[in-house]
Amino acid sequence: MIFVGSSQSYAASNPNVRFFNDSKALAAHTPPTAEERKRTSARAKIAHLYTMQSWYCDEMLSNVELMKEVSRADLIVGELSTFVLP
């Protein structure tokens, strides 16, 4: 099974996908403008990514039903590639 935030519509047609509410991480993310991306340092981009990952993980780990399913997993892989860094 693959667990993704409900905002990740790319996975909706996959029968192996399970969704969890990721509204906090999604609400906190506003795509940066091209000018903002140019002005943002690499260090700030990495700090932003860690913050986003923290919110995303908090929402996943606080989902009791999902955690019951995950507790039977042989392997868990996490990634946050669908969010754009500032």
N, C-alpha and C. Protein backbone atom coordinates (compact mmCIF):
# COMPACT_ATOMS: atom_id res chain seq x y z
N MET A 1 0.83 -1.19 0.00
CA MET A 1 0.00 0.00 0.00
C MET A 1 0.87 1.25 0.00
N ILE A 2 0.32 2.30 -0.56
CA ILE A 2 1.00 3.58 -0.60
C ILE A 2 0.10 4.58 0.12
N PHE A 3 0.65 5.31 1.09
CA PHE A 3 -0.10 6.29 1.85
C PHE A 3 0.34 7.69 1.43
N VAL A 4 -0.61 8.50 0.98
CA VAL A 4 -0.30 9.87 0.56
C VAL A 4 -1.34 10.83 1.12
N GLY A 5 -0.97 12.09 1.18
CA GLY A 5 -1.90 13.12 1.62
C GLY A 5 -3.04 13.27 0.63
N SER A 6 -4.18 13.64 1.12
CA SER A 6 -5.38 13.76 0.27
C SER A 6 -5.23 14.80 -0.83
N SER A 7 -4.28 15.72 -0.70
CA SER A 7 -4.06 16.72 -1.74
C SER A 7 -3.30 16.16 -2.94
N GLN A 8 -2.79 14.96 -2.84
CA GLN A 8 -1.97 14.38 -3.89
C GLN A 8 -2.85 13.59 -4.87
N SER A 9 -3.55 14.30 -5.71
CA SER A 9 -4.53 13.68 -6.61
C SER A 9 -3.92 12.79 -7.68
N TYR A 10 -2.62 12.91 -7.93
CA TYR A 10 -1.97 12.08 -8.94
C TYR A 10 -2.15 10.60 -8.66
N ALA A 11 -2.39 10.21 -7.42
CA ALA A 11 -2.45 8.81 -7.02
C ALA A 11 -3.87 8.27 -6.90
N ALA A 12 -4.86 9.08 -7.21
CA ALA A 12 -6.26 8.71 -6.97
C ALA A 12 -6.70 7.44 -7.68
N SER A 13 -6.16 7.16 -8.84
CA SER A 13 -6.61 5.99 -9.61
C SER A 13 -5.89 4.70 -9.23
N ASN A 14 -4.92 4.76 -8.35
CA ASN A 14 -4.16 3.58 -7.96
C ASN A 14 -4.88 2.85 -6.83
N PRO A 15 -5.24 1.57 -7.02
CA PRO A 15 -5.97 0.84 -5.98
C PRO A 15 -5.14 0.57 -4.72
N ASN A 16 -3.83 0.73 -4.80
CA ASN A 16 -2.97 0.49 -3.64
C ASN A 16 -2.77 1.73 -2.78
N VAL A 17 -3.36 2.84 -3.17
CA VAL A 17 -3.17 4.10 -2.46
C VAL A 17 -4.22 4.28 -1.38
N ARG A 18 -3.76 4.74 -0.22
CA ARG A 18 -4.64 5.13 0.89
C ARG A 18 -4.32 6.59 1.19
N PHE A 19 -5.35 7.37 1.46
CA PHE A 19 -5.17 8.81 1.69
C PHE A 19 -5.34 9.18 3.15
N PHE A 20 -4.65 10.22 3.58
CA PHE A 20 -4.86 10.81 4.89
C PHE A 20 -4.98 12.32 4.71
N ASN A 21 -5.57 12.98 5.68
CA ASN A 21 -5.79 14.42 5.62
C ASN A 21 -4.46 15.15 5.77
N ASP A 22 -4.12 15.96 4.78
CA ASP A 22 -2.88 16.74 4.85
C ASP A 22 -3.18 18.24 4.74
N SER A 23 -4.32 18.64 5.27
CA SER A 23 -4.77 20.03 5.11
C SER A 23 -3.86 21.05 5.79
N LYS A 24 -3.25 20.70 6.91
CA LYS A 24 -2.37 21.66 7.60
C LYS A 24 -1.13 21.95 6.75
N ALA A 25 -0.50 20.91 6.25
CA ALA A 25 0.69 21.10 5.41
C ALA A 25 0.32 21.83 4.13
N LEU A 26 -0.81 21.49 3.55
CA LEU A 26 -1.24 22.12 2.31
C LEU A 26 -1.59 23.59 2.54
N ALA A 27 -2.29 23.88 3.63
CA ALA A 27 -2.68 25.27 3.91
C ALA A 27 -1.46 26.16 4.18
N ALA A 28 -0.43 25.58 4.73
CA ALA A 28 0.77 26.35 5.05
C ALA A 28 1.64 26.62 3.83
N HIS A 29 1.35 25.92 2.75
CA HIS A 29 2.18 26.04 1.55
C HIS A 29 1.54 26.96 0.52
N THR A 30 2.23 28.02 0.22
CA THR A 30 1.81 28.89 -0.89
C THR A 30 2.96 28.91 -1.88
N PRO A 31 2.69 28.54 -3.12
CA PRO A 31 3.78 28.50 -4.10
C PRO A 31 4.45 29.85 -4.24
N PRO A 32 5.77 29.86 -4.25
CA PRO A 32 6.50 31.12 -4.38
C PRO A 32 6.48 31.63 -5.82
N THR A 33 6.63 32.90 -5.94
CA THR A 33 6.75 33.50 -7.27
C THR A 33 8.17 33.26 -7.77
N ALA A 34 8.38 33.48 -9.05
CA ALA A 34 9.72 33.32 -9.62
C ALA A 34 10.71 34.25 -8.94
N GLU A 35 10.28 35.47 -8.65
CA GLU A 35 11.15 36.43 -7.98
C GLU A 35 11.51 35.96 -6.57
N GLU A 36 10.55 35.41 -5.85
CA GLU A 36 10.82 34.90 -4.49
C GLU A 36 11.81 33.74 -4.54
N ARG A 37 11.67 32.86 -5.53
CA ARG A 37 12.61 31.74 -5.67
C ARG A 37 14.03 32.24 -5.89
N LYS A 38 14.18 33.30 -6.66
CA LYS A 38 15.52 33.84 -6.92
C LYS A 38 16.14 34.42 -5.65
N ARG A 39 15.32 35.07 -4.82
CA ARG A 39 15.83 35.74 -3.61
C ARG A 39 16.04 34.81 -2.42
N THR A 40 15.45 33.62 -2.46
CA THR A 40 15.51 32.72 -1.32
C THR A 40 16.81 31.92 -1.32
N SER A 41 17.49 31.93 -0.20
CA SER A 41 18.76 31.20 -0.10
C SER A 41 18.50 29.70 -0.04
N ALA A 42 19.51 28.94 -0.36
CA ALA A 42 19.41 27.48 -0.29
C ALA A 42 19.10 27.03 1.13
N ARG A 43 19.71 27.71 2.10
CA ARG A 43 19.46 27.37 3.51
C ARG A 43 17.99 27.59 3.89
N ALA A 44 17.41 28.69 3.43
CA ALA A 44 16.00 28.98 3.71
C ALA A 44 15.09 27.96 3.03
N LYS A 45 15.46 27.54 1.84
CA LYS A 45 14.67 26.52 1.12
C LYS A 45 14.66 25.20 1.88
N ILE A 46 15.82 24.82 2.39
CA ILE A 46 15.91 23.57 3.14
C ILE A 46 15.14 23.67 4.45
N ALA A 47 15.22 24.81 5.13
CA ALA A 47 14.47 25.01 6.38
C ALA A 47 12.97 24.92 6.11
N HIS A 48 12.52 25.51 5.01
CA HIS A 48 11.10 25.45 4.64
C HIS A 48 10.68 24.01 4.36
N LEU A 49 11.51 23.27 3.67
CA LEU A 49 11.21 21.87 3.37
C LEU A 49 11.06 21.06 4.65
N TYR A 50 11.97 21.26 5.61
CA TYR A 50 11.87 20.54 6.88
C TYR A 50 10.59 20.88 7.63
N THR A 51 10.20 22.13 7.60
CA THR A 51 8.95 22.55 8.25
C THR A 51 7.76 21.87 7.60
N MET A 52 7.72 21.90 6.26
CA MET A 52 6.62 21.26 5.54
C MET A 52 6.58 19.76 5.83
N GLN A 53 7.73 19.11 5.82
CA GLN A 53 7.80 17.68 6.10
C GLN A 53 7.30 17.38 7.50
N SER A 54 7.63 18.24 8.45
CA SER A 54 7.17 18.06 9.83
C SER A 54 5.65 18.09 9.92
N TRP A 55 5.03 19.08 9.27
CA TRP A 55 3.56 19.16 9.30
C TRP A 55 2.94 17.96 8.61
N TYR A 56 3.49 17.56 7.49
CA TYR A 56 2.97 16.43 6.73
C TYR A 56 3.05 15.16 7.57
N CYS A 57 4.20 14.94 8.21
CA CYS A 57 4.37 13.76 9.06
C CYS A 57 3.44 13.79 10.27
N ASP A 58 3.28 14.95 10.89
CA ASP A 58 2.38 15.07 12.03
C ASP A 58 0.97 14.63 11.65
N GLU A 59 0.52 15.08 10.49
CA GLU A 59 -0.83 14.71 10.07
C GLU A 59 -0.94 13.22 9.76
N MET A 60 0.07 12.66 9.17
CA MET A 60 0.04 11.23 8.88
C MET A 60 0.09 10.42 10.17
N LEU A 61 1.01 10.76 11.06
CA LEU A 61 1.20 9.99 12.28
C LEU A 61 0.05 10.15 13.27
N SER A 62 -0.73 11.20 13.16
CA SER A 62 -1.86 11.39 14.07
C SER A 62 -3.13 10.71 13.56
N ASN A 63 -3.08 10.10 12.39
CA ASN A 63 -4.23 9.40 11.83
C ASN A 63 -4.24 7.97 12.39
N VAL A 64 -5.14 7.69 13.33
CA VAL A 64 -5.16 6.42 14.05
C VAL A 64 -5.39 5.24 13.11
N GLU A 65 -6.34 5.35 12.22
CA GLU A 65 -6.64 4.25 11.30
C GLU A 65 -5.45 3.95 10.39
N LEU A 66 -4.83 4.98 9.89
CA LEU A 66 -3.66 4.79 9.03
C LEU A 66 -2.53 4.12 9.80
N MET A 67 -2.32 4.54 11.03
CA MET A 67 -1.25 3.96 11.84
C MET A 67 -1.50 2.48 12.12
N LYS A 68 -2.76 2.08 12.23
CA LYS A 68 -3.06 0.65 12.39
C LYS A 68 -2.63 -0.13 11.16
N GLU A 69 -2.90 0.42 9.98
CA GLU A 69 -2.49 -0.25 8.75
C GLU A 69 -0.97 -0.26 8.61
N VAL A 70 -0.33 0.86 8.91
CA VAL A 70 1.11 0.97 8.78
C VAL A 70 1.84 0.04 9.75
N SER A 71 1.23 -0.24 10.89
CA SER A 71 1.90 -1.07 11.89
C SER A 71 2.17 -2.49 11.37
N ARG A 72 1.52 -2.88 10.31
CA ARG A 72 1.73 -4.21 9.72
C ARG A 72 2.68 -4.17 8.52
N ALA A 73 3.26 -3.03 8.25
CA ALA A 73 4.12 -2.86 7.07
C ALA A 73 5.50 -3.46 7.28
N ASP A 74 6.06 -3.97 6.19
CA ASP A 74 7.44 -4.45 6.21
C ASP A 74 8.43 -3.32 5.94
N LEU A 75 7.98 -2.30 5.21
CA LEU A 75 8.84 -1.20 4.83
C LEU A 75 8.01 0.06 4.71
N ILE A 76 8.54 1.18 5.21
CA ILE A 76 7.86 2.47 5.09
C ILE A 76 8.86 3.45 4.50
N VAL A 77 8.45 4.13 3.43
CA VAL A 77 9.28 5.12 2.77
C VAL A 77 8.51 6.43 2.75
N GLY A 78 9.15 7.52 3.14
CA GLY A 78 8.48 8.81 3.12
C GLY A 78 9.19 9.77 2.17
N GLU A 79 8.41 10.60 1.50
CA GLU A 79 8.98 11.62 0.63
C GLU A 79 7.98 12.74 0.44
N LEU A 80 8.46 13.87 0.05
CA LEU A 80 7.65 15.06 -0.08
C LEU A 80 7.98 15.78 -1.38
N SER A 81 8.03 15.06 -2.45
CA SER A 81 8.50 15.66 -3.70
C SER A 81 7.47 16.51 -4.41
N THR A 82 6.21 16.44 -4.04
CA THR A 82 5.19 17.19 -4.78
C THR A 82 5.07 18.64 -4.34
N PHE A 83 5.73 19.01 -3.26
CA PHE A 83 5.71 20.40 -2.82
C PHE A 83 6.86 21.15 -3.47
N VAL A 84 6.61 22.36 -3.90
CA VAL A 84 7.64 23.17 -4.53
C VAL A 84 8.33 24.02 -3.48
N LEU A 85 9.63 23.99 -3.48
CA LEU A 85 10.38 24.82 -2.54
C LEU A 85 10.32 26.28 -2.94
N PRO A 86 10.40 27.15 -1.95
CA PRO A 86 10.39 28.58 -2.29
C PRO A 86 11.65 28.97 -3.06
